[in-house]
C-alpha atoms as a PDB file:
ATOM      1  CA  MET A   1      63.800  68.811 179.419  1.00  0.00           C
ATOM      2  CA  ASN A   2      65.641  67.216 176.546  1.00  0.00           C
ATOM      3  CA  SER A   3      67.988  69.672 174.882  1.00  0.00           C
ATOM      4  CA  ASP A   4      68.953  67.457 171.946  1.00  0.00           C
ATOM      5  CA  LYS A   5      65.559  67.640 170.230  1.00  0.00           C
ATOM      6  CA  SER A   6      63.625  70.296 168.374  1.00  0.00           C
ATOM      7  CA  ILE A   7      60.515  69.412 170.394  1.00  0.00           C
ATOM      8  CA  GLN A   8      60.889  70.021 174.127  1.00  0.00           C
ATOM      9  CA  TYR A   9      59.026  67.408 176.140  1.00  0.00           C
ATOM     10  CA  PRO A  10      58.534  67.288 179.915  1.00  0.00           C
ATOM     11  CA  MET A  11      60.593  64.623 181.698  1.00  0.00           C
ATOM     12  CA  GLN A  12      57.366  62.831 182.550  1.00  0.00           C
ATOM     13  CA  ARG A  13      56.384  62.228 178.893  1.00  0.00           C
ATOM     14  CA  PHE A  14      57.143  58.565 179.542  1.00  0.00           C
ATOM     15  CA  SER A  15      58.220  56.983 182.818  1.00  0.00           C
ATOM     16  CA  VAL A  16      58.425  53.635 184.582  1.00  0.00           C
ATOM     17  CA  ALA A  17      56.357  53.639 187.756  1.00  0.00           C
ATOM     18  CA  PRO A  18      57.895  53.318 191.222  1.00  0.00           C
ATOM     19  CA  MET A  19      57.233  49.705 192.244  1.00  0.00           C
ATOM     20  CA  LEU A  20      58.163  48.300 195.642  1.00  0.00           C
ATOM     21  CA  ASP A  21      60.638  45.387 195.447  1.00  0.00           C
ATOM     22  CA  TRP A  22      60.899  45.857 191.690  1.00  0.00           C
ATOM     23  CA  THR A  23      62.386  49.196 190.618  1.00  0.00           C
ATOM     24  CA  ASP A  24      65.587  48.976 192.628  1.00  0.00           C
ATOM     25  CA  ARG A  25      68.906  50.344 191.352  1.00  0.00           C
ATOM     26  CA  HIS A  26      69.772  47.148 189.442  1.00  0.00           C
ATOM     27  CA  CYS A  27      66.444  47.268 187.631  1.00  0.00           C
ATOM     28  CA  ARG A  28      66.920  50.938 186.765  1.00  0.00           C
ATOM     29  CA  TYR A  29      70.431  50.393 185.411  1.00  0.00           C
ATOM     30  CA  PHE A  30      69.045  47.653 183.159  1.00  0.00           C
ATOM     31  CA  HIS A  31      66.098  49.776 182.010  1.00  0.00           C
ATOM     32  CA  ARG A  32      68.402  52.692 181.182  1.00  0.00           C
ATOM     33  CA  LEU A  33      70.257  50.528 178.663  1.00  0.00           C
ATOM     34  CA  LEU A  34      66.961  50.051 176.838  1.00  0.00           C
ATOM     35  CA  SER A  35      65.850  53.706 176.849  1.00  0.00           C
ATOM     36  CA  GLY A  36      67.862  56.867 177.295  1.00  0.00           C
ATOM     37  CA  GLN A  37      64.840  59.160 177.686  1.00  0.00           C
ATOM     38  CA  THR A  38      62.432  57.263 179.964  1.00  0.00           C
ATOM     39  CA  LEU A  39      62.195  58.831 183.415  1.00  0.00           C
ATOM     40  CA  LEU A  40      62.951  56.155 186.013  1.00  0.00           C
ATOM     41  CA  TYR A  41      61.653  56.161 189.589  1.00  0.00           C
ATOM     42  CA  THR A  42      63.046  54.590 192.720  1.00  0.00           C
ATOM     43  CA  GLU A  43      60.928  52.353 194.869  1.00  0.00           C
ATOM     44  CA  MET A  44      59.147  54.405 197.506  1.00  0.00           C
ATOM     45  CA  VAL A  45      61.612  55.254 200.298  1.00  0.00           C
ATOM     46  CA  THR A  46      60.299  56.514 203.629  1.00  0.00           C
ATOM     47  CA  THR A  47      61.746  59.545 205.320  1.00  0.00           C
ATOM     48  CA  GLY A  48      62.367  57.423 208.411  1.00  0.00           C
ATOM     49  CA  ALA A  49      64.529  54.990 206.456  1.00  0.00           C
ATOM     50  CA  ILE A  50      66.627  57.803 205.007  1.00  0.00           C
ATOM     51  CA  LEU A  51      66.999  59.781 208.236  1.00  0.00           C
ATOM     52  CA  PHE A  52      67.336  56.953 210.737  1.00  0.00           C
ATOM     53  CA  GLY A  53      67.961  53.717 208.815  1.00  0.00           C
ATOM     54  CA  LYS A  54      71.304  51.943 208.787  1.00  0.00           C
ATOM     55  CA  GLY A  55      71.394  51.306 205.037  1.00  0.00           C
ATOM     56  CA  ASP A  56      72.160  53.720 202.204  1.00  0.00           C
ATOM     57  CA  TYR A  57      68.647  54.111 200.849  1.00  0.00           C
ATOM     58  CA  LEU A  58      69.620  56.794 198.351  1.00  0.00           C
ATOM     59  CA  ALA A  59      72.389  54.847 196.573  1.00  0.00           C
ATOM     60  CA  TYR A  60      72.165  54.759 192.787  1.00  0.00           C
ATOM     61  CA  SER A  61      74.374  54.848 189.702  1.00  0.00           C
ATOM     62  CA  ARG A  62      74.722  58.113 187.795  1.00  0.00           C
ATOM     63  CA  GLN A  63      74.155  56.059 184.614  1.00  0.00           C
ATOM     64  CA  GLU A  64      70.502  55.716 185.690  1.00  0.00           C
ATOM     65  CA  GLN A  65      69.769  59.402 185.094  1.00  0.00           C
ATOM     66  CA  PRO A  66      67.234  60.848 184.691  1.00  0.00           C
ATOM     67  CA  VAL A  67      66.011  59.226 187.911  1.00  0.00           C
ATOM     68  CA  ALA A  68      63.447  60.478 190.422  1.00  0.00           C
ATOM     69  CA  LEU A  69      63.261  59.669 194.125  1.00  0.00           C
ATOM     70  CA  GLN A  70      59.819  58.767 195.420  1.00  0.00           C
ATOM     71  CA  LEU A  71      59.424  59.693 199.072  1.00  0.00           C
ATOM     72  CA  GLY A  72      56.919  58.370 201.586  1.00  0.00           C
ATOM     73  CA  GLY A  73      56.146  60.633 204.513  1.00  0.00           C
ATOM     74  CA  SER A  74      53.877  63.355 205.843  1.00  0.00           C
ATOM     75  CA  GLU A  75      56.150  65.475 208.052  1.00  0.00           C
ATOM     76  CA  PRO A  76      57.146  68.559 206.052  1.00  0.00           C
ATOM     77  CA  GLN A  77      60.559  69.169 207.573  1.00  0.00           C
ATOM     78  CA  ALA A  78      61.580  65.508 207.350  1.00  0.00           C
ATOM     79  CA  LEU A  79      60.541  65.465 203.693  1.00  0.00           C
ATOM     80  CA  ALA A  80      62.440  68.693 203.077  1.00  0.00           C
ATOM     81  CA  GLU A  81      65.616  67.260 204.615  1.00  0.00           C
ATOM     82  CA  CYS A  82      65.353  64.081 202.540  1.00  0.00           C
ATOM     83  CA  ALA A  83      64.677  66.076 199.384  1.00  0.00           C
ATOM     84  CA  LYS A  84      67.744  68.207 200.067  1.00  0.00           C
ATOM     85  CA  ARG A  85      69.944  65.123 200.482  1.00  0.00           C
ATOM     86  CA  ALA A  86      68.580  63.657 197.265  1.00  0.00           C
ATOM     87  CA  GLU A  87      69.268  66.843 195.306  1.00  0.00           C
ATOM     88  CA  GLU A  88      72.831  66.907 196.613  1.00  0.00           C
ATOM     89  CA  LEU A  89      73.268  63.358 195.299  1.00  0.00           C
ATOM     90  CA  GLY A  90      72.063  64.380 191.848  1.00  0.00           C
ATOM     91  CA  TYR A  91      68.501  63.050 191.657  1.00  0.00           C
ATOM     92  CA  SER A  92      66.426  64.707 188.921  1.00  0.00           C
ATOM     93  CA  GLU A  93      63.101  64.952 190.744  1.00  0.00           C
ATOM     94  CA  ILE A  94      61.437  64.396 194.117  1.00  0.00           C
ATOM     95  CA  ASN A  95      58.046  62.683 194.036  1.00  0.00           C
ATOM     96  CA  LEU A  96      55.679  62.508 197.011  1.00  0.00           C
ATOM     97  CA  ASN A  97      53.689  59.285 197.321  1.00  0.00           C
ATOM     98  CA  ALA A  98      50.028  60.135 197.902  1.00  0.00           C
ATOM     99  CA  GLY A  99      48.653  57.053 196.197  1.00  0.00           C
ATOM    100  CA  CYS A 100      49.816  53.836 197.878  1.00  0.00           C
ATOM    101  CA  PRO A 101      46.909  52.178 199.749  1.00  0.00           C
ATOM    102  CA  SER A 102      48.719  49.563 201.873  1.00  0.00           C
ATOM    103  CA  ASP A 103      48.039  49.267 205.608  1.00  0.00           C
ATOM    104  CA  ARG A 104      51.718  49.787 206.430  1.00  0.00           C
ATOM    105  CA  VAL A 105      51.756  53.044 204.524  1.00  0.00           C
ATOM    106  CA  GLN A 106      48.516  54.251 206.119  1.00  0.00           C
ATOM    107  CA  ASN A 107      49.892  53.502 209.583  1.00  0.00           C
ATOM    108  CA  GLY A 108      52.706  55.910 208.771  1.00  0.00           C
ATOM    109  CA  ARG A 109      50.138  58.513 207.668  1.00  0.00           C
ATOM    110  CA  PHE A 110      51.274  58.704 204.090  1.00  0.00           C
ATOM    111  CA  GLY A 111      50.330  57.257 200.729  1.00  0.00           C
ATOM    112  CA  ALA A 112      46.730  57.355 199.475  1.00  0.00           C
ATOM    113  CA  CYS A 113      45.264  58.398 202.831  1.00  0.00           C
ATOM    114  CA  LEU A 114      46.901  61.798 202.246  1.00  0.00           C
ATOM    115  CA  MET A 115      44.249  62.526 199.628  1.00  0.00           C
ATOM    116  CA  ALA A 116      41.945  63.263 202.574  1.00  0.00           C
ATOM    117  CA  GLU A 117      44.414  65.922 203.794  1.00  0.00           C
ATOM    118  CA  PRO A 118      45.243  68.142 200.812  1.00  0.00           C
ATOM    119  CA  GLU A 119      46.309  71.004 203.086  1.00  0.00           C
ATOM    120  CA  LEU A 120      48.954  68.774 204.655  1.00  0.00           C
ATOM    121  CA  VAL A 121      50.131  67.615 201.230  1.00  0.00           C
ATOM    122  CA  ALA A 122      50.400  71.255 200.172  1.00  0.00           C
ATOM    123  CA  GLU A 123      52.493  72.001 203.259  1.00  0.00           C
ATOM    124  CA  CYS A 124      54.764  69.026 202.510  1.00  0.00           C
ATOM    125  CA  VAL A 125      55.265  70.057 198.889  1.00  0.00           C
ATOM    126  CA  SER A 126      55.910  73.673 199.854  1.00  0.00           C
ATOM    127  CA  ALA A 127      58.566  72.649 202.371  1.00  0.00           C
ATOM    128  CA  MET A 128      60.349  70.486 199.794  1.00  0.00           C
ATOM    129  CA  LYS A 129      60.176  73.168 197.105  1.00  0.00           C
ATOM    130  CA  GLN A 130      61.771  75.655 199.484  1.00  0.00           C
ATOM    131  CA  ALA A 131      64.584  73.169 200.173  1.00  0.00           C
ATOM    132  CA  VAL A 132      65.469  72.176 196.591  1.00  0.00           C
ATOM    133  CA  SER A 133      65.608  73.584 193.074  1.00  0.00           C
ATOM    134  CA  ILE A 134      64.735  70.333 191.263  1.00  0.00           C
ATOM    135  CA  PRO A 135      61.069  69.516 190.467  1.00  0.00           C
ATOM    136  CA  VAL A 136      58.819  68.363 193.316  1.00  0.00           C
ATOM    137  CA  THR A 137      55.900  66.273 192.053  1.00  0.00           C
ATOM    138  CA  VAL A 138      52.984  64.303 193.495  1.00  0.00           C
ATOM    139  CA  LYS A 139      51.709  60.858 192.532  1.00  0.00           C
ATOM    140  CA  THR A 140      48.192  60.105 193.676  1.00  0.00           C
ATOM    141  CA  ARG A 141      44.897  58.356 192.833  1.00  0.00           C
ATOM    142  CA  ILE A 142      41.648  59.792 191.456  1.00  0.00           C
ATOM    143  CA  GLY A 143      39.807  59.171 194.759  1.00  0.00           C
ATOM    144  CA  ILE A 144      39.673  57.141 197.966  1.00  0.00           C
ATOM    145  CA  ASP A 145      36.900  54.989 199.435  1.00  0.00           C
ATOM    146  CA  ASP A 146      33.551  56.746 198.999  1.00  0.00           C
ATOM    147  CA  SER A 147      35.263  60.035 198.141  1.00  0.00           C
ATOM    148  CA  ASP A 148      35.046  58.995 194.532  1.00  0.00           C
ATOM    149  CA  ASN A 149      33.936  61.934 192.448  1.00  0.00           C
ATOM    150  CA  TYR A 150      35.592  64.577 190.335  1.00  0.00           C
ATOM    151  CA  GLU A 151      34.883  67.323 192.877  1.00  0.00           C
ATOM    152  CA  PHE A 152      37.005  65.503 195.482  1.00  0.00           C
ATOM    153  CA  LEU A 153      39.927  65.151 193.051  1.00  0.00           C
ATOM    154  CA  GLN A 154      39.472  68.702 191.815  1.00  0.00           C
ATOM    155  CA  ARG A 155      39.783  70.093 195.340  1.00  0.00           C
ATOM    156  CA  PHE A 156      42.890  68.007 196.038  1.00  0.00           C
ATOM    157  CA  ILE A 157      44.595  69.269 192.878  1.00  0.00           C
ATOM    158  CA  SER A 158      43.523  72.854 193.541  1.00  0.00           C
ATOM    159  CA  VAL A 159      44.808  72.957 197.112  1.00  0.00           C
ATOM    160  CA  VAL A 160      48.099  71.179 196.432  1.00  0.00           C
ATOM    161  CA  SER A 161      48.859  73.250 193.339  1.00  0.00           C
ATOM    162  CA  GLU A 162      47.762  76.642 194.656  1.00  0.00           C
ATOM    163  CA  ARG A 163      48.905  76.419 198.280  1.00  0.00           C
ATOM    164  CA  GLY A 164      51.778  73.990 197.811  1.00  0.00           C
ATOM    165  CA  GLY A 165      53.076  75.258 194.514  1.00  0.00           C
ATOM    166  CA  CYS A 166      52.990  71.811 192.914  1.00  0.00           C
ATOM    167  CA  ASP A 167      52.747  72.069 189.135  1.00  0.00           C
ATOM    168  CA  ASN A 168      53.266  68.404 188.279  1.00  0.00           C
ATOM    169  CA  PHE A 169      50.941  65.473 189.086  1.00  0.00           C
ATOM    170  CA  THR A 170      50.874  61.817 188.090  1.00  0.00           C
ATOM    171  CA  LEU A 171      47.397  60.357 188.493  1.00  0.00           C
ATOM    172  CA  HIS A 172      46.747  56.631 188.802  1.00  0.00           C
ATOM    173  CA  ALA A 173      43.358  56.452 187.101  1.00  0.00           C
ATOM    174  CA  ARG A 174      41.758  54.283 189.813  1.00  0.00           C
ATOM    175  CA  LYS A 175      40.465  55.188 193.213  1.00  0.00           C
ATOM    176  CA  ALA A 176      41.999  53.409 196.226  1.00  0.00           C
ATOM    177  CA  TRP A 177      40.135  51.457 198.878  1.00  0.00           C
ATOM    178  CA  LEU A 178      41.941  52.148 202.133  1.00  0.00           C
ATOM    179  CA  SER A 179      40.514  48.988 203.704  1.00  0.00           C
ATOM    180  CA  GLY A 180      39.141  45.734 202.371  1.00  0.00           C
ATOM    181  CA  LEU A 181      41.489  45.361 199.404  1.00  0.00           C
ATOM    182  CA  SER A 182      45.138  44.349 199.273  1.00  0.00           C
ATOM    183  CA  PRO A 183      47.625  46.580 197.407  1.00  0.00           C
ATOM    184  CA  LYS A 184      47.536  44.081 194.533  1.00  0.00           C
ATOM    185  CA  GLU A 185      43.718  44.164 194.431  1.00  0.00           C
ATOM    186  CA  ASN A 186      43.840  47.962 194.539  1.00  0.00           C
ATOM    187  CA  ARG A 187      45.834  47.865 191.302  1.00  0.00           C
ATOM    188  CA  GLU A 188      43.233  45.700 189.574  1.00  0.00           C
ATOM    189  CA  ILE A 189      39.714  45.860 191.067  1.00  0.00           C
ATOM    190  CA  PRO A 190      38.757  49.556 191.197  1.00  0.00           C
ATOM    191  CA  PRO A 191      37.729  50.437 187.629  1.00  0.00           C
ATOM    192  CA  LEU A 192      39.927  52.654 185.490  1.00  0.00           C
ATOM    193  CA  ASP A 193      38.589  56.113 184.673  1.00  0.00           C
ATOM    194  CA  TYR A 194      40.948  57.775 182.244  1.00  0.00           C
ATOM    195  CA  SER A 195      38.406  60.487 181.429  1.00  0.00           C
ATOM    196  CA  ARG A 196      38.717  61.896 184.947  1.00  0.00           C
ATOM    197  CA  VAL A 197      42.456  62.363 184.454  1.00  0.00           C
ATOM    198  CA  TYR A 198      41.846  64.010 181.093  1.00  0.00           C
ATOM    199  CA  LEU A 199      39.409  66.384 182.795  1.00  0.00           C
ATOM    200  CA  VAL A 200      42.082  67.452 185.288  1.00  0.00           C
ATOM    201  CA  LYS A 201      44.343  68.454 182.403  1.00  0.00           C
ATOM    202  CA  GLN A 202      41.489  70.307 180.719  1.00  0.00           C
ATOM    203  CA  GLU A 203      40.622  72.254 183.867  1.00  0.00           C
ATOM    204  CA  PHE A 204      44.242  72.846 184.909  1.00  0.00           C
ATOM    205  CA  PRO A 205      46.028  73.332 181.564  1.00  0.00           C
ATOM    206  CA  HIS A 206      48.967  75.068 183.252  1.00  0.00           C
ATOM    207  CA  LEU A 207      49.821  71.895 185.205  1.00  0.00           C
ATOM    208  CA  THR A 208      51.881  68.977 183.914  1.00  0.00           C
ATOM    209  CA  VAL A 209      49.617  65.929 184.191  1.00  0.00           C
ATOM    210  CA  ALA A 210      50.740  62.332 183.610  1.00  0.00           C
ATOM    211  CA  ILE A 211      48.474  59.288 183.576  1.00  0.00           C
ATOM    212  CA  ASN A 212      49.090  55.843 185.099  1.00  0.00           C
ATOM    213  CA  GLY A 213      47.156  52.604 185.368  1.00  0.00           C
ATOM    214  CA  GLY A 214      46.549  49.623 183.087  1.00  0.00           C
ATOM    215  CA  ILE A 215      48.616  50.911 180.154  1.00  0.00           C
ATOM    216  CA  LYS A 216      50.179  48.021 178.240  1.00  0.00           C
ATOM    217  CA  THR A 217      51.399  49.284 174.858  1.00  0.00           C
ATOM    218  CA  LEU A 218      53.103  52.299 173.326  1.00  0.00           C
ATOM    219  CA  GLU A 219      50.115  52.594 171.011  1.00  0.00           C
ATOM    220  CA  GLU A 220      47.900  53.124 174.078  1.00  0.00           C
ATOM    221  CA  ALA A 221      50.457  55.612 175.405  1.00  0.00           C
ATOM    222  CA  LYS A 222      50.222  57.638 172.186  1.00  0.00           C
ATOM    223  CA  VAL A 223      46.441  57.864 172.577  1.00  0.00           C
ATOM    224  CA  HIS A 224      46.787  59.148 176.144  1.00  0.00           C
ATOM    225  CA  LEU A 225      49.391  61.682 175.040  1.00  0.00           C
ATOM    226  CA  GLN A 226      46.734  63.358 172.943  1.00  0.00           C
ATOM    227  CA  HIS A 227      45.027  64.307 176.225  1.00  0.00           C
ATOM    228  CA  VAL A 228      47.763  64.578 178.889  1.00  0.00           C
ATOM    229  CA  ASP A 229      51.453  65.457 179.136  1.00  0.00           C
ATOM    230  CA  GLY A 230      52.870  62.116 180.175  1.00  0.00           C
ATOM    231  CA  VAL A 231      52.347  58.392 180.541  1.00  0.00           C
ATOM    232  CA  MET A 232      53.623  56.241 183.400  1.00  0.00           C
ATOM    233  CA  MET A 233      53.806  52.504 182.745  1.00  0.00           C
ATOM    234  CA  GLY A 234      54.183  50.038 185.601  1.00  0.00           C
ATOM    235  CA  ARG A 235      53.882  46.260 185.508  1.00  0.00           C
ATOM    236  CA  GLU A 236      53.991  45.947 181.717  1.00  0.00           C
ATOM    237  CA  ALA A 237      57.317  47.780 181.514  1.00  0.00           C
ATOM    238  CA  TYR A 238      58.739  45.511 184.203  1.00  0.00           C
ATOM    239  CA  GLN A 239      57.404  42.197 182.948  1.00  0.00           C
ATOM    240  CA  ASN A 240      58.031  43.008 179.281  1.00  0.00           C
ATOM    241  CA  PRO A 241      61.034  45.381 179.413  1.00  0.00           C
ATOM    242  CA  GLY A 242      61.682  45.045 175.689  1.00  0.00           C
ATOM    243  CA  ILE A 243      58.899  47.587 175.220  1.00  0.00           C
ATOM    244  CA  LEU A 244      61.289  50.262 176.524  1.00  0.00           C
ATOM    245  CA  ALA A 245      63.602  49.816 173.534  1.00  0.00           C
ATOM    246  CA  ARG A 246      61.112  51.627 171.273  1.00  0.00           C
ATOM    247  CA  VAL A 247      60.277  54.509 173.617  1.00  0.00           C
ATOM    248  CA  ASP A 248      63.005  56.934 172.520  1.00  0.00           C
ATOM    249  CA  SER A 249      62.118  56.737 168.837  1.00  0.00           C
ATOM    250  CA  GLU A 250      58.331  56.373 169.080  1.00  0.00           C
ATOM    251  CA  LEU A 251      57.518  58.751 171.940  1.00  0.00           C
ATOM    252  CA  PHE A 252      60.442  61.188 171.977  1.00  0.00           C
ATOM    253  CA  GLY A 253      61.202  61.291 168.243  1.00  0.00           C
ATOM    254  CA  ILE A 254      64.876  60.489 168.720  1.00  0.00           C
ATOM    255  CA  GLU A 255      66.603  58.840 165.793  1.00  0.00           C
ATOM    256  CA  ARG A 256      68.540  55.960 167.265  1.00  0.00           C
ATOM    257  CA  GLU A 257      69.045  52.331 166.514  1.00  0.00           C
ATOM    258  CA  ILE A 258      66.660  50.237 168.596  1.00  0.00           C
ATOM    259  CA  PRO A 259      68.744  48.332 171.176  1.00  0.00           C
ATOM    260  CA  GLN A 260      68.840  44.610 170.535  1.00  0.00           C
ATOM    261  CA  ALA A 261      67.971  42.459 173.547  1.00  0.00           C
ATOM    262  CA  ALA A 262      71.103  40.297 173.336  1.00  0.00           C
ATOM    263  CA  ALA A 263      73.323  43.385 173.124  1.00  0.00           C
ATOM    264  CA  VAL A 264      71.623  44.855 176.206  1.00  0.00           C
ATOM    265  CA  ILE A 265      72.334  41.666 178.147  1.00  0.00           C
ATOM    266  CA  GLU A 266      75.993  41.787 177.105  1.00  0.00           C
ATOM    267  CA  ALA A 267      76.183  45.463 178.076  1.00  0.00           C
ATOM    268  CA  MET A 268      75.171  44.418 181.601  1.00  0.00           C
ATOM    269  CA  TYR A 269      78.254  42.207 182.071  1.00  0.00           C
ATOM    270  CA  PRO A 270      80.658  44.919 183.351  1.00  0.00           C
ATOM    271  CA  TYR A 271      78.038  46.255 185.779  1.00  0.00           C
ATOM    272  CA  ILE A 272      77.290  42.746 187.042  1.00  0.00           C
ATOM    273  CA  GLU A 273      80.953  41.918 187.557  1.00  0.00           C
ATOM    274  CA  GLN A 274      81.436  45.158 189.475  1.00  0.00           C
ATOM    275  CA  GLU A 275      78.411  44.428 191.670  1.00  0.00           C
ATOM    276  CA  LEU A 276      79.493  40.825 192.307  1.00  0.00           C
ATOM    277  CA  SER A 277      82.848  42.130 193.524  1.00  0.00           C
ATOM    278  CA  LYS A 278      80.919  44.159 196.124  1.00  0.00           C
ATOM    279  CA  GLY A 279      79.062  41.089 197.378  1.00  0.00           C
ATOM    280  CA  THR A 280      75.820  41.462 195.397  1.00  0.00           C
ATOM    281  CA  TYR A 281      74.170  38.165 194.440  1.00  0.00           C
ATOM    282  CA  LEU A 282      73.727  37.538 190.729  1.00  0.00           C
ATOM    283  CA  GLY A 283      70.055  36.715 191.168  1.00  0.00           C
ATOM    284  CA  HIS A 284      69.367  40.141 192.683  1.00  0.00           C
ATOM    285  CA  ILE A 285      70.271  41.631 189.297  1.00  0.00           C
ATOM    286  CA  THR A 286      69.104  39.026 186.790  1.00  0.00           C
ATOM    287  CA  ARG A 287      65.596  38.734 188.297  1.00  0.00           C
ATOM    288  CA  HIS A 288      64.757  42.017 186.580  1.00  0.00           C
ATOM    289  CA  MET A 289      65.794  40.661 183.169  1.00  0.00           C
ATOM    290  CA  LEU A 290      63.604  37.552 182.966  1.00  0.00           C
ATOM    291  CA  GLY A 291      60.949  39.067 180.695  1.00  0.00           C
ATOM    292  CA  LEU A 292      63.284  40.578 178.110  1.00  0.00           C
ATOM    293  CA  PHE A 293      62.906  37.942 175.415  1.00  0.00           C
ATOM    294  CA  GLN A 294      59.114  37.591 175.417  1.00  0.00           C
ATOM    295  CA  GLY A 295      57.910  35.908 172.240  1.00  0.00           C
ATOM    296  CA  ILE A 296      61.413  34.959 171.090  1.00  0.00           C
ATOM    297  CA  PRO A 297      62.467  31.299 170.644  1.00  0.00           C
ATOM    298  CA  GLY A 298      64.439  30.167 173.676  1.00  0.00           C
ATOM    299  CA  ALA A 299      62.888  32.716 176.032  1.00  0.00           C
ATOM    300  CA  ARG A 300      61.502  30.010 178.335  1.00  0.00           C
ATOM    301  CA  GLN A 301      64.889  28.279 178.591  1.00  0.00           C
ATOM    302  CA  PHE A 302      66.514  31.662 179.279  1.00  0.00           C
ATOM    303  CA  ARG A 303      64.137  32.328 182.172  1.00  0.00           C
ATOM    304  CA  ARG A 304      64.407  28.821 183.560  1.00  0.00           C
ATOM    305  CA  HIS A 305      68.216  28.780 183.503  1.00  0.00           C
ATOM    306  CA  LEU A 306      68.429  32.072 185.377  1.00  0.00           C
ATOM    307  CA  SER A 307      65.677  31.147 187.840  1.00  0.00           C
ATOM    308  CA  GLU A 308      67.365  27.842 188.675  1.00  0.00           C
ATOM    309  CA  ASN A 309      70.994  28.983 188.752  1.00  0.00           C
ATOM    310  CA  ALA A 310      71.396  32.706 189.426  1.00  0.00           C
ATOM    311  CA  HIS A 311      70.720  32.326 193.167  1.00  0.00           C
ATOM    312  CA  LYS A 312      73.256  29.567 193.704  1.00  0.00           C
ATOM    313  CA  ALA A 313      76.337  30.316 195.769  1.00  0.00           C
ATOM    314  CA  GLY A 314      79.162  31.579 193.590  1.00  0.00           C
ATOM    315  CA  ALA A 315      76.934  32.230 190.564  1.00  0.00           C
ATOM    316  CA  ASP A 316      78.664  34.685 188.246  1.00  0.00           C
ATOM    317  CA  VAL A 317      78.231  36.295 184.847  1.00  0.00           C
ATOM    318  CA  GLU A 318      78.870  32.963 183.150  1.00  0.00           C
ATOM    319  CA  VAL A 319      75.394  31.865 184.243  1.00  0.00           C
ATOM    320  CA  LEU A 320      73.953  34.778 182.291  1.00  0.00           C
ATOM    321  CA  ARG A 321      76.122  33.995 179.276  1.00  0.00           C
ATOM    322  CA  GLN A 322      74.809  30.439 179.272  1.00  0.00           C
ATOM    323  CA  ALA A 323      71.214  31.655 179.514  1.00  0.00           C
ATOM    324  CA  LEU A 324      71.755  34.124 176.664  1.00  0.00           C
ATOM    325  CA  ALA A 325      73.161  31.354 174.447  1.00  0.00           C
ATOM    326  CA  MET A 326      69.883  29.466 174.814  1.00  0.00           C
ATOM    327  CA  VAL A 327      68.090  32.373 173.110  1.00  0.00           C
ATOM    328  CA  THR A 328      70.644  33.404 170.502  1.00  0.00           C
ATOM    329  CA  GLU A 329      71.273  29.831 169.318  1.00  0.00           C
ATOM    330  CA  LYS A 330      67.545  29.235 168.821  1.00  0.00           C
ATOM    331  CA  SER A 331      67.053  32.553 167.080  1.00  0.00           C
ATOM    332  CA  SER A 332      69.979  32.212 164.669  1.00  0.00           C
END
């Protein structure tokens, strides 16, 4: 909850979706400079990676807060252990992935295929809730394969909320095909059905319900917020991150000066220099910033300069300064 406002909104009022290979810690640090209120999600991290992997899959900067960890898994005790570690590190929320349709995820018995096992999902959520005091939430679809009716979704929500104690769901308003479509096609081909998500909120008014899928503008978000508690934006927020600069004022009612794109880039310099000193490549950070200047003179040159130079050996913050000059000089 946000204590600095007269209106108390749920954290999920507006969030950026967890997106594999996109919403890493560098992306989240950048997005936080644009919006102080938006709830940010990690990429999905599997329990196996956290418990047995060699890397630090839970690393993040405290400046990213509020940030939620999305977990992939279906073994209750493993999920509970990972949730406990995440809470100790200061994460704001644990989110269970019950919506990703990829083959790799299905082979691990998690993601969208879990919609067919609501009792197991309830057990997983219950185990995590017993292990932590922070919110435990579920992100899922509105159906899978031929189980594509409201009754199927209704039962899933009922079981997971009543038996698992989950009071917070984010619903991607498309069903998932577990075979025959790629993950990309599953984000585009199954038709959107926002009304089914609205119906969940109507039938379960005590639950916090956020909607996801195909949302491209804050104006669309405001329409959805007349029916549900929150809006999750995915690809549009990533490819056009400037949209995040208006979230705090337009969706949370916070009086603040809208961050200027050039100032946000300059605010990244200290973080970038710190990361470069640790061995991070410049391009791993700047790739998330390419869409910032959409519609502004010089935006194409900005993107091209970073795309051509940020991955070169020894590339440093000066490359970003040069790219920024191509926008600011054209705009002045």
